[in-house]
Amino acid sequence: MTQEPTLIAGEPLPLLRQGIRSLEVNRRGDDTLHVSWPTDSESGAAWLRAIERCAADFITADRQDPLEIRRKLALLLIAKVIAIVNDRDV
């Protein structure tokens, strides 16, 4: 019996793990970090889809943060979930 891959925001964990290597993190002058990645690869597109799905989940009737804030929160959430799963797999 083949085990199905773990999905994070609808994307396979192995594909998201593969995309981690292509993430570019740059520090801005105001001590914030800017994260970018190429979206012209399968893993990059998976990251983009996962972030958009998670960002949409942050909209509620009483809380409607700007899209950029929701995307940042989504990126952090996905990274935390990957870290938790990685610890579990060890």
N, C-alpha and C. Protein backbone atom coordinates (compact mmCIF):
# COMPACT_ATOMS: atom_id res chain seq x y z
N MET A 1 0.84 -1.17 0.00
CA MET A 1 0.00 0.00 0.00
C MET A 1 0.89 1.24 0.00
N THR A 2 0.66 2.13 -0.93
CA THR A 2 1.45 3.35 -1.04
C THR A 2 0.80 4.44 -0.19
N GLN A 3 1.63 5.13 0.60
CA GLN A 3 1.12 6.20 1.44
C GLN A 3 1.00 7.48 0.62
N GLU A 4 -0.13 8.15 0.75
CA GLU A 4 -0.35 9.42 0.06
C GLU A 4 0.55 10.48 0.69
N PRO A 5 1.06 11.41 -0.12
CA PRO A 5 1.91 12.45 0.46
C PRO A 5 1.10 13.40 1.34
N THR A 6 1.76 13.92 2.35
CA THR A 6 1.14 14.92 3.22
C THR A 6 0.87 16.17 2.39
N LEU A 7 -0.31 16.74 2.55
CA LEU A 7 -0.67 17.97 1.85
C LEU A 7 -0.66 19.14 2.82
N ILE A 8 -0.11 20.24 2.38
CA ILE A 8 -0.15 21.49 3.13
C ILE A 8 -0.81 22.51 2.22
N ALA A 9 -1.94 23.02 2.65
CA ALA A 9 -2.72 23.96 1.84
C ALA A 9 -2.99 23.39 0.45
N GLY A 10 -3.24 22.08 0.40
CA GLY A 10 -3.57 21.43 -0.85
C GLY A 10 -2.40 21.07 -1.74
N GLU A 11 -1.18 21.34 -1.29
CA GLU A 11 0.01 21.05 -2.09
C GLU A 11 0.84 19.95 -1.42
N PRO A 12 1.43 19.05 -2.22
CA PRO A 12 2.22 17.96 -1.64
C PRO A 12 3.46 18.47 -0.92
N LEU A 13 3.67 17.95 0.27
CA LEU A 13 4.81 18.34 1.08
C LEU A 13 6.14 18.19 0.34
N PRO A 14 6.39 17.08 -0.39
CA PRO A 14 7.68 16.97 -1.08
C PRO A 14 7.92 18.10 -2.09
N LEU A 15 6.87 18.55 -2.74
CA LEU A 15 7.00 19.64 -3.70
C LEU A 15 7.32 20.96 -2.98
N LEU A 16 6.69 21.20 -1.85
CA LEU A 16 6.98 22.41 -1.08
C LEU A 16 8.39 22.35 -0.50
N ARG A 17 8.80 21.19 -0.02
CA ARG A 17 10.17 21.04 0.49
C ARG A 17 11.18 21.35 -0.61
N GLN A 18 10.91 20.85 -1.80
CA GLN A 18 11.81 21.09 -2.93
C GLN A 18 11.94 22.59 -3.21
N GLY A 19 10.86 23.33 -3.06
CA GLY A 19 10.87 24.76 -3.34
C GLY A 19 11.59 25.60 -2.32
N ILE A 20 11.84 25.06 -1.14
CA ILE A 20 12.51 25.83 -0.08
C ILE A 20 13.87 26.32 -0.56
N ARG A 21 14.57 25.49 -1.32
CA ARG A 21 15.91 25.87 -1.79
C ARG A 21 15.88 27.09 -2.70
N SER A 22 14.76 27.35 -3.35
CA SER A 22 14.70 28.48 -4.28
C SER A 22 14.16 29.76 -3.63
N LEU A 23 13.77 29.68 -2.35
CA LEU A 23 13.30 30.89 -1.66
C LEU A 23 14.47 31.86 -1.47
N GLU A 24 14.23 33.11 -1.78
CA GLU A 24 15.24 34.15 -1.58
C GLU A 24 14.76 35.08 -0.48
N VAL A 25 15.56 35.24 0.54
CA VAL A 25 15.22 36.10 1.67
C VAL A 25 16.18 37.27 1.69
N ASN A 26 15.63 38.48 1.64
CA ASN A 26 16.44 39.70 1.65
C ASN A 26 15.96 40.61 2.77
N ARG A 27 16.90 41.18 3.48
CA ARG A 27 16.56 42.13 4.55
C ARG A 27 16.39 43.51 3.94
N ARG A 28 15.31 44.16 4.32
CA ARG A 28 15.05 45.52 3.87
C ARG A 28 15.59 46.50 4.90
N GLY A 29 15.65 47.77 4.53
CA GLY A 29 16.19 48.79 5.41
C GLY A 29 15.42 48.96 6.70
N ASP A 30 14.14 48.61 6.72
CA ASP A 30 13.32 48.81 7.92
C ASP A 30 13.27 47.54 8.78
N ASP A 31 14.31 46.70 8.67
CA ASP A 31 14.42 45.47 9.45
C ASP A 31 13.31 44.45 9.18
N THR A 32 12.70 44.51 8.02
CA THR A 32 11.77 43.47 7.61
C THR A 32 12.45 42.58 6.59
N LEU A 33 11.91 41.40 6.42
CA LEU A 33 12.44 40.47 5.45
C LEU A 33 11.50 40.38 4.25
N HIS A 34 12.08 40.32 3.08
CA HIS A 34 11.32 40.15 1.85
C HIS A 34 11.65 38.76 1.30
N VAL A 35 10.61 37.93 1.12
CA VAL A 35 10.81 36.58 0.62
C VAL A 35 10.25 36.51 -0.80
N SER A 36 11.04 35.98 -1.70
CA SER A 36 10.58 35.80 -3.07
C SER A 36 11.09 34.46 -3.59
N TRP A 37 10.52 34.01 -4.68
CA TRP A 37 10.93 32.75 -5.28
C TRP A 37 10.47 32.74 -6.72
N PRO A 38 11.13 31.94 -7.54
CA PRO A 38 10.70 31.84 -8.94
C PRO A 38 9.40 31.03 -9.02
N THR A 39 8.45 31.53 -9.78
CA THR A 39 7.18 30.83 -9.92
C THR A 39 7.10 30.06 -11.23
N ASP A 40 8.20 30.04 -11.97
CA ASP A 40 8.19 29.34 -13.26
C ASP A 40 8.60 27.87 -13.13
N SER A 41 8.57 27.35 -11.92
CA SER A 41 8.86 25.93 -11.70
C SER A 41 7.65 25.31 -11.01
N GLU A 42 7.59 23.99 -11.03
CA GLU A 42 6.47 23.31 -10.40
C GLU A 42 6.42 23.59 -8.90
N SER A 43 7.59 23.57 -8.25
CA SER A 43 7.60 23.82 -6.81
C SER A 43 7.29 25.29 -6.48
N GLY A 44 7.78 26.20 -7.30
CA GLY A 44 7.48 27.62 -7.08
C GLY A 44 6.00 27.91 -7.24
N ALA A 45 5.39 27.29 -8.23
CA ALA A 45 3.95 27.47 -8.44
C ALA A 45 3.16 26.85 -7.29
N ALA A 46 3.66 25.74 -6.74
CA ALA A 46 3.00 25.11 -5.60
C ALA A 46 3.02 26.04 -4.38
N TRP A 47 4.18 26.70 -4.16
CA TRP A 47 4.26 27.66 -3.06
C TRP A 47 3.25 28.79 -3.26
N LEU A 48 3.18 29.30 -4.47
CA LEU A 48 2.25 30.40 -4.75
C LEU A 48 0.81 29.98 -4.49
N ARG A 49 0.43 28.81 -4.98
CA ARG A 49 -0.94 28.32 -4.76
C ARG A 49 -1.23 28.13 -3.28
N ALA A 50 -0.28 27.54 -2.55
CA ALA A 50 -0.47 27.30 -1.12
C ALA A 50 -0.63 28.62 -0.36
N ILE A 51 0.19 29.59 -0.70
CA ILE A 51 0.10 30.89 -0.03
C ILE A 51 -1.24 31.55 -0.31
N GLU A 52 -1.68 31.51 -1.55
CA GLU A 52 -2.97 32.13 -1.89
C GLU A 52 -4.12 31.44 -1.18
N ARG A 53 -4.07 30.11 -1.08
CA ARG A 53 -5.14 29.39 -0.36
C ARG A 53 -5.17 29.77 1.11
N CYS A 54 -4.00 29.76 1.73
CA CYS A 54 -3.93 30.12 3.15
C CYS A 54 -4.35 31.57 3.37
N ALA A 55 -3.91 32.46 2.50
CA ALA A 55 -4.27 33.88 2.63
C ALA A 55 -5.77 34.06 2.57
N ALA A 56 -6.42 33.30 1.72
CA ALA A 56 -7.89 33.39 1.63
C ALA A 56 -8.55 32.92 2.92
N ASP A 57 -7.95 31.94 3.57
CA ASP A 57 -8.52 31.43 4.82
C ASP A 57 -8.45 32.43 5.97
N PHE A 58 -7.61 33.44 5.86
CA PHE A 58 -7.50 34.45 6.92
C PHE A 58 -8.60 35.51 6.86
N ILE A 59 -9.43 35.50 5.84
CA ILE A 59 -10.53 36.47 5.74
C ILE A 59 -11.70 35.96 6.59
N THR A 60 -12.17 36.80 7.47
CA THR A 60 -13.36 36.49 8.26
C THR A 60 -14.29 37.70 8.20
N ALA A 61 -15.51 37.53 8.68
CA ALA A 61 -16.47 38.63 8.65
C ALA A 61 -16.00 39.82 9.48
N ASP A 62 -15.31 39.54 10.59
CA ASP A 62 -14.89 40.64 11.46
C ASP A 62 -13.42 41.00 11.30
N ARG A 63 -12.70 40.33 10.40
CA ARG A 63 -11.29 40.64 10.19
C ARG A 63 -10.95 40.51 8.71
N GLN A 64 -10.62 41.62 8.12
CA GLN A 64 -10.31 41.63 6.70
C GLN A 64 -9.00 42.38 6.47
N ASP A 65 -7.90 41.73 6.83
CA ASP A 65 -6.58 42.34 6.66
C ASP A 65 -6.26 42.49 5.17
N PRO A 66 -5.39 43.44 4.84
CA PRO A 66 -4.97 43.60 3.44
C PRO A 66 -4.32 42.31 2.92
N LEU A 67 -4.40 42.11 1.63
CA LEU A 67 -3.89 40.89 1.00
C LEU A 67 -2.42 40.66 1.32
N GLU A 68 -1.59 41.70 1.29
CA GLU A 68 -0.17 41.54 1.55
C GLU A 68 0.09 41.01 2.96
N ILE A 69 -0.66 41.48 3.93
CA ILE A 69 -0.54 40.98 5.32
C ILE A 69 -0.95 39.52 5.37
N ARG A 70 -2.06 39.17 4.72
CA ARG A 70 -2.52 37.78 4.73
C ARG A 70 -1.53 36.86 4.05
N ARG A 71 -0.87 37.32 2.99
CA ARG A 71 0.14 36.50 2.32
C ARG A 71 1.34 36.27 3.23
N LYS A 72 1.74 37.30 3.96
CA LYS A 72 2.86 37.14 4.90
C LYS A 72 2.51 36.13 5.99
N LEU A 73 1.31 36.24 6.53
CA LEU A 73 0.88 35.29 7.55
C LEU A 73 0.82 33.88 6.98
N ALA A 74 0.37 33.75 5.75
CA ALA A 74 0.29 32.43 5.10
C ALA A 74 1.67 31.82 4.92
N LEU A 75 2.63 32.62 4.48
CA LEU A 75 4.00 32.12 4.31
C LEU A 75 4.55 31.61 5.63
N LEU A 76 4.34 32.36 6.70
CA LEU A 76 4.81 31.94 8.02
C LEU A 76 4.12 30.66 8.47
N LEU A 77 2.83 30.56 8.24
CA LEU A 77 2.08 29.37 8.64
C LEU A 77 2.58 28.14 7.89
N ILE A 78 2.77 28.26 6.59
CA ILE A 78 3.25 27.13 5.79
C ILE A 78 4.64 26.71 6.26
N ALA A 79 5.51 27.67 6.50
CA ALA A 79 6.86 27.35 6.97
C ALA A 79 6.82 26.63 8.32
N LYS A 80 5.94 27.07 9.22
CA LYS A 80 5.82 26.42 10.53
C LYS A 80 5.30 25.00 10.40
N VAL A 81 4.32 24.80 9.54
CA VAL A 81 3.77 23.45 9.34
C VAL A 81 4.83 22.52 8.76
N ILE A 82 5.61 23.01 7.79
CA ILE A 82 6.68 22.19 7.22
C ILE A 82 7.69 21.83 8.31
N ALA A 83 8.04 22.78 9.16
CA ALA A 83 8.99 22.50 10.25
C ALA A 83 8.43 21.45 11.21
N ILE A 84 7.16 21.54 11.53
CA ILE A 84 6.55 20.56 12.43
C ILE A 84 6.55 19.18 11.79
N VAL A 85 6.18 19.10 10.53
CA VAL A 85 6.16 17.82 9.83
C VAL A 85 7.56 17.25 9.71
N ASN A 86 8.53 18.10 9.43
CA ASN A 86 9.92 17.64 9.33
C ASN A 86 10.40 17.04 10.64
N ASP A 87 10.05 17.66 11.76
CA ASP A 87 10.43 17.13 13.07
C ASP A 87 9.75 15.78 13.32
N ARG A 88 8.53 15.65 12.86
CA ARG A 88 7.78 14.41 13.05
C ARG A 88 8.39 13.29 12.21
N ASP A 89 8.90 13.62 11.03
CA ASP A 89 9.46 12.62 10.12
C ASP A 89 10.83 12.11 10.54
N VAL A 90 11.49 12.82 11.45
CA VAL A 90 12.85 12.45 11.82
C VAL A 90 12.90 11.19 12.63
